[in-house]
Structure formats: structure tokens, C-alpha cells
Protein backbone atom coordinates (compact mmCIF):
# COMPACT_ATOMS: atom_id res chain seq x y z
CA UNK A 1 122.33 111.30 74.84
CA UNK A 2 125.03 110.25 73.02
CA UNK A 3 125.15 107.70 70.42
CA UNK A 4 127.35 104.75 72.16
CA UNK A 5 124.48 104.72 75.05
CA UNK A 6 121.95 104.44 71.81
CA UNK A 7 124.14 101.53 70.80
CA UNK A 8 123.99 100.19 74.12
CA UNK A 9 120.28 100.10 74.58
CA UNK A 10 119.87 98.41 71.41
CA UNK A 11 121.64 95.47 72.78
CA UNK A 12 119.23 95.29 76.01
CA UNK A 13 116.47 95.55 73.83
CA UNK A 14 117.75 92.41 72.07
CA UNK A 15 117.23 90.45 74.91
CA UNK A 16 114.09 88.44 75.27
CA UNK A 17 113.85 89.35 79.16
CA UNK A 18 113.33 92.84 78.48
CA UNK A 19 110.67 95.20 78.58
CA UNK A 20 111.35 98.36 78.93
CA UNK A 21 114.70 100.61 79.37
CA UNK A 22 114.76 104.51 80.48
CA UNK A 23 116.88 106.84 82.20
CA UNK A 24 116.39 108.06 85.36
CA UNK A 25 117.90 109.40 88.55
CA UNK A 26 119.97 112.71 88.79
CA UNK A 27 119.52 112.91 84.98
CA UNK A 28 115.79 113.38 85.48
CA UNK A 29 115.84 115.01 88.70
CA UNK A 30 117.56 117.90 87.18
CA UNK A 31 120.25 116.94 89.99
CA UNK A 32 123.35 115.65 88.04
CA UNK A 33 126.80 116.94 87.72
CA UNK A 34 129.79 116.17 86.14
CA UNK A 35 130.19 113.69 89.04
CA UNK A 36 126.92 111.95 88.28
CA UNK A 37 126.42 108.26 86.72
CA UNK A 38 123.88 107.35 84.52
CA UNK A 39 121.26 105.55 86.14
CA UNK A 40 120.00 103.20 83.42
CA UNK A 41 116.42 100.91 84.46
CA UNK A 42 115.87 97.68 82.26
CA UNK A 43 112.83 96.13 83.24
CA UNK A 44 112.58 92.51 82.87
CA UNK A 45 110.30 89.68 83.05
CA UNK A 46 112.74 87.40 84.18
CA UNK A 47 116.85 87.81 84.98
CA UNK A 48 119.38 87.93 81.89
CA UNK A 49 122.28 85.77 82.99
CA UNK A 50 124.70 87.70 84.06
CA UNK A 51 127.12 85.80 81.25
CA UNK A 52 125.22 87.37 79.01
CA UNK A 53 125.18 90.99 80.57
CA UNK A 54 128.91 90.69 80.39
CA UNK A 55 129.50 89.68 76.79
CA UNK A 56 127.50 93.45 76.19
CA UNK A 57 129.41 95.29 78.80
CA UNK A 58 133.03 94.55 77.25
CA UNK A 59 131.59 95.63 73.49
CA UNK A 60 131.72 99.18 75.61
CA UNK A 61 134.02 99.01 78.55
CA UNK A 62 137.55 98.26 80.14
CA UNK A 63 136.63 99.03 83.51
CA UNK A 64 133.36 97.18 84.79
CA UNK A 65 131.73 95.19 87.40
CA UNK A 66 128.80 92.73 86.31
CA UNK A 67 127.02 90.60 88.28
CA UNK A 68 126.48 93.19 91.67
CA UNK A 69 123.62 92.50 93.98
CA UNK A 70 125.13 94.84 96.66
CA UNK A 71 121.75 97.51 96.08
CA UNK A 72 119.33 95.16 93.76
CA UNK A 73 120.70 93.14 90.15
CA UNK A 74 122.73 95.71 88.63
CA UNK A 75 125.70 96.51 86.90
CA UNK A 76 128.58 99.34 86.70
CA UNK A 77 130.43 100.03 83.60
CA UNK A 78 132.69 102.87 82.61
CA UNK A 79 131.38 103.34 78.95
CA UNK A 80 134.59 104.47 77.19
CA UNK A 81 133.88 106.63 74.14
CA UNK A 82 131.55 108.39 76.34
CA UNK A 83 133.91 109.31 79.22
CA UNK A 84 130.68 108.02 81.49
CA UNK A 85 129.61 105.61 84.06
CA UNK A 86 126.49 103.39 83.61
CA UNK A 87 124.26 102.80 86.52
CA UNK A 88 122.96 99.66 85.08
CA UNK A 89 119.47 98.50 87.42
CA UNK A 90 117.64 95.37 86.42
CA UNK A 91 114.25 96.09 87.88
CA UNK A 92 111.36 92.82 87.95
CA UNK A 93 108.25 93.86 85.73
CA UNK A 94 105.86 92.55 89.06
CA UNK A 95 107.93 94.00 91.55
CA UNK A 96 107.57 97.69 90.10
CA UNK A 97 103.84 96.89 89.14
CA UNK A 98 103.47 95.58 92.88
CA UNK A 99 105.26 99.04 94.20
CA UNK A 100 102.92 101.22 92.26
CA UNK A 101 99.49 99.59 93.38
CA UNK A 102 100.58 99.25 97.33
CA UNK A 103 101.87 102.80 97.63
CA UNK A 104 100.02 104.84 94.92
CA UNK A 105 96.70 102.87 95.20
CA UNK A 106 96.67 101.21 98.07
CA UNK A 107 97.90 104.12 100.34
CA UNK A 108 101.18 102.05 101.93
CA UNK A 109 103.82 104.22 103.31
CA UNK A 110 107.16 103.39 104.32
CA UNK A 111 109.73 103.99 107.00
CA UNK A 112 111.29 107.14 104.96
CA UNK A 113 111.47 107.26 100.96
CA UNK A 114 107.63 105.77 100.42
CA UNK A 115 107.56 106.97 97.12
CA UNK A 116 111.19 106.66 95.86
CA UNK A 117 110.30 103.99 92.72
CA UNK A 118 107.51 105.71 91.83
CA UNK A 119 109.48 109.29 91.59
CA UNK A 120 111.83 107.00 89.55
CA UNK A 121 109.08 105.81 87.04
CA UNK A 122 106.99 108.96 86.90
CA UNK A 123 109.94 111.00 86.19
CA UNK A 124 112.08 108.34 83.88
CA UNK A 125 112.68 109.17 80.43
CA UNK A 126 111.81 105.81 78.00
CA UNK A 127 113.91 104.66 75.60
CA UNK A 128 112.29 101.24 74.97
CA UNK A 129 109.00 100.37 75.80
CA UNK A 130 107.82 96.93 74.25
CA UNK A 131 103.82 97.23 74.35
CA UNK A 132 103.66 100.26 76.01
CA UNK A 133 104.30 98.78 79.44
CA UNK A 134 105.83 101.24 81.25
CA UNK A 135 104.13 104.47 79.73
CA UNK A 136 101.30 102.30 81.51
CA UNK A 137 102.90 102.79 84.85
CA UNK A 138 103.60 106.22 83.71
CA UNK A 139 99.40 107.03 83.02
CA UNK A 140 98.36 105.49 86.57
CA UNK A 141 101.03 107.86 88.36
CA UNK A 142 99.88 110.91 86.67
CA UNK A 143 96.94 112.06 89.08
CA UNK A 144 96.53 113.59 92.05
CA UNK A 145 98.51 112.85 94.77
CA UNK A 146 96.16 110.72 97.28
CA UNK A 147 95.53 112.78 100.42
CA UNK A 148 95.10 109.08 102.48
CA UNK A 149 98.73 108.27 101.25
CA UNK A 150 99.62 111.94 102.54
CA UNK A 151 98.08 111.38 105.93
CA UNK A 152 99.69 107.67 106.07
CA UNK A 153 103.53 108.81 105.47
CA UNK A 154 103.02 111.76 107.75
CA UNK A 155 101.53 109.91 110.51
CA UNK A 156 103.70 106.62 110.32
CA UNK A 157 106.99 108.90 109.90
CA UNK A 158 106.17 111.42 112.64
CA UNK A 159 105.46 108.32 115.05
CA UNK A 160 108.85 107.12 114.36
CA UNK A 161 110.37 110.71 114.47
CA UNK A 162 109.37 111.33 118.26
CA UNK A 163 105.69 111.02 118.66
CA UNK A 164 106.21 106.74 119.54
CA UNK A 165 106.10 106.08 123.41
CA UNK A 166 108.82 103.81 123.15
CA UNK A 167 112.13 103.54 120.36
CA UNK A 168 111.28 106.31 118.78
CA UNK A 169 114.80 107.68 116.60
CA UNK A 170 114.69 110.37 119.47
CA UNK A 171 114.86 108.23 121.86
CA UNK A 172 117.37 106.02 120.58
CA UNK A 173 119.78 108.74 119.71
CA UNK A 174 119.28 110.22 123.13
CA UNK A 175 120.55 106.33 124.63
CA UNK A 176 123.16 106.32 122.10
CA UNK A 177 124.50 110.00 123.43
CA UNK A 178 124.21 109.01 127.26
CA UNK A 179 126.23 106.01 126.06
CA UNK A 180 128.93 107.95 124.10
CA UNK A 181 127.96 105.98 121.18
CA UNK A 182 129.09 107.92 118.40
CA UNK A 183 128.03 105.11 115.79
CA UNK A 184 124.81 104.58 116.85
CA UNK A 185 124.74 108.19 117.29
CA UNK A 186 125.22 108.52 113.19
CA UNK A 187 122.82 105.47 112.12
CA UNK A 188 119.78 106.81 113.86
CA UNK A 189 120.17 110.27 112.56
CA UNK A 190 120.20 108.90 109.27
CA UNK A 191 116.94 106.85 109.97
CA UNK A 192 115.71 110.12 111.54
CA UNK A 193 116.41 112.29 108.59
CA UNK A 194 115.03 109.55 105.99
CA UNK A 195 111.36 109.98 108.20
CA UNK A 196 111.54 113.85 108.32
CA UNK A 197 112.07 113.89 104.53
CA UNK A 198 109.65 111.28 103.26
CA UNK A 199 107.57 114.58 105.59
CA UNK A 200 108.59 117.08 104.27
CA UNK A 201 107.46 115.76 100.42
CA UNK A 202 104.38 113.84 101.79
CA UNK A 203 103.41 117.35 102.84
CA UNK A 204 104.10 119.48 99.67
CA UNK A 205 102.45 116.45 97.94
CA UNK A 206 105.72 115.38 95.78
CA UNK A 207 106.80 112.39 94.87
CA UNK A 208 110.53 111.32 97.04
CA UNK A 209 113.67 112.29 95.09
CA UNK A 210 116.06 109.52 96.41
CA UNK A 211 119.05 110.30 98.51
CA UNK A 212 121.17 112.72 97.01
CA UNK A 213 120.96 116.86 97.05
CA UNK A 214 117.82 116.43 99.22
CA UNK A 215 118.26 119.79 100.83
CA UNK A 216 118.23 121.80 97.80
CA UNK A 217 115.31 119.87 96.36
CA UNK A 218 113.24 120.72 98.81
CA UNK A 219 114.29 124.39 98.71
CA UNK A 220 113.54 124.27 94.86
CA UNK A 221 110.49 122.66 95.15
CA UNK A 222 109.00 122.83 98.15
CA UNK A 223 106.28 125.57 99.12
CA UNK A 224 106.12 124.44 102.75
CA UNK A 225 109.40 124.03 104.52
CA UNK A 226 109.68 124.11 108.67
CA UNK A 227 110.88 127.44 109.74
CA UNK A 228 115.16 126.78 110.43
CA UNK A 229 115.05 123.65 107.78
CA UNK A 230 118.36 124.24 106.14
CA UNK A 231 119.96 125.94 109.28
CA UNK A 232 118.89 123.03 111.36
CA UNK A 233 120.15 120.32 109.19
CA UNK A 234 123.40 121.63 108.92
CA UNK A 235 123.93 122.16 112.44
CA UNK A 236 122.52 118.58 113.02
CA UNK A 237 125.17 116.53 111.17
CA UNK A 238 128.34 118.27 112.20
CA UNK A 239 128.87 116.03 115.02
CA UNK A 240 129.81 115.46 117.73
CA UNK A 241 127.48 118.16 118.33
CA UNK A 242 126.70 118.78 122.35
CA UNK A 243 123.11 120.45 120.96
CA UNK A 244 121.99 117.17 118.95
CA UNK A 245 118.95 116.58 121.13
CA UNK A 246 117.55 120.14 121.35
CA UNK A 247 117.97 120.70 117.19
CA UNK A 248 115.88 117.16 117.14
CA UNK A 249 113.14 118.68 119.37
CA UNK A 250 113.53 122.06 117.42
CA UNK A 251 113.28 120.11 114.04
CA UNK A 252 110.00 117.85 115.63
CA UNK A 253 108.69 121.03 116.47
CA UNK A 254 108.52 123.01 113.92
CA UNK A 255 107.62 120.39 111.25
CA UNK A 256 104.83 120.07 112.87
CA UNK A 257 103.59 123.75 112.40
CA UNK A 258 103.63 122.98 109.25
CA UNK A 259 101.16 120.12 109.31
């Protein structure tokens, strides 16, 4: 990675709360570009005080934000010597263990993004692993994609797309269009796409890589894709669009043909 990054990892290792340190995100999903930061995961048993984290950050950065809670506990800082931004996320050890158990072993689905954290664990690069805990989680995920999980994800999210008799995403978007509520249209289309991609990755037996560059990732990794996959998404996300509902119907219909 970088000598400076190695020094930063050594700093996080010194905290007694730290169980493991790893890098993931676009760096391991092979989707990184010049704008990508380095997603760094610090797995902890208890919270590391913000003031201690800030002392560490100031050794390496003159531009930073510590104690961020917008998307979970984390710090963001620009590492001067690396000319790169680090997005440090602090993940509770028990919370991650529960996700592996509930999703991979008990097969509980979500409303989109069901297997995202599993993708993070399975694909992250370990830089420190006290007592082999993180590698143990990776080993638990080194089994074939559970068919029950696949079917549960598909069933739940197909219902949300359009099959529910009430309050499906399609119905909510239809009502929002009638009200000319463009904010609501975009909000529900985002939810529709989250469930749509959850199904795409599940039916291909792939863990969900997250929220970025999903069309490109799907085209490169999925053996099964609906007809007009990329074309429909491009059309749908070009708003305002008088054909929104027609496109949604077409996407659902062609997705079902793949199942």
C-alpha cells in the first residue's frame, strides 16, 4: 500500500480496543479510480475515544474530520504524505459477527444491499488480525452461496419492486408521478434500484459490492442479466421521463424471465 499507511495501521494496532484492521471498498472491488479514497476498517470491541483518534490523525493530516457519525462511527482525513484520503470506519466486533450469522447462516434478507457487509468481510485485505478473528469470519464465508439466502432475497425484493398488492415501489412511484412529486419519484426509484440490484446479485450467487459503479460491476461479473439491462437503467435514471412507469414494468418483467 504505502509506508505511511503502514505506520497508520501500526498506530491503530496500539489501541487496546482494536481487534483487526483491513482495507476494502473500491480498493478490493477493483473499481477504484483517481477519485477513490481508501476505505479502512478498524474492528473494535469497544469504542476508541475520539480524542485519542484525533491525536493519531493530526500526526499525518492537516485536513480532517474526526468523530463522524453520519454513516456510522468513523473518521475521514487527507493523508498529506500519501496525497490520498482515508475513510476510517470503526466496526463493532459483535455487530459484524451477528451480520455473518443472520445473513449467511440464518439467511435473513434485507430491503436491498443484503450481502454488502459480507462482501466487505470476504474481500477485505487484512493488515492486522489479533488472534485470527477476522480470518475466522472470512473462513465462515468461504462456502457456496446458500440457496435459501438467494431465494429469500429474491422473494422479498421482488415483492417490494412490484408484486406487493399495496405500497410496492412501483405503486409509490406511480402515485408520486400523478402528484408531480419529483422528489418522491427519485427517492422511490433509488429504493427500487436497491432491491433490483439485490436480486441481480443474488440470482447470480454473488455478494453485493455496495452502491458504486453497479452497472459496470454487474456487466463484468454477472452471467445472468435481464434483457436491455444497461439501456433500461440509463433511460430510467434520465429524469423527468414520461416513460418511467413503462420502463419499470419492462425491467420487472425481464428480471422475472431470468429467475
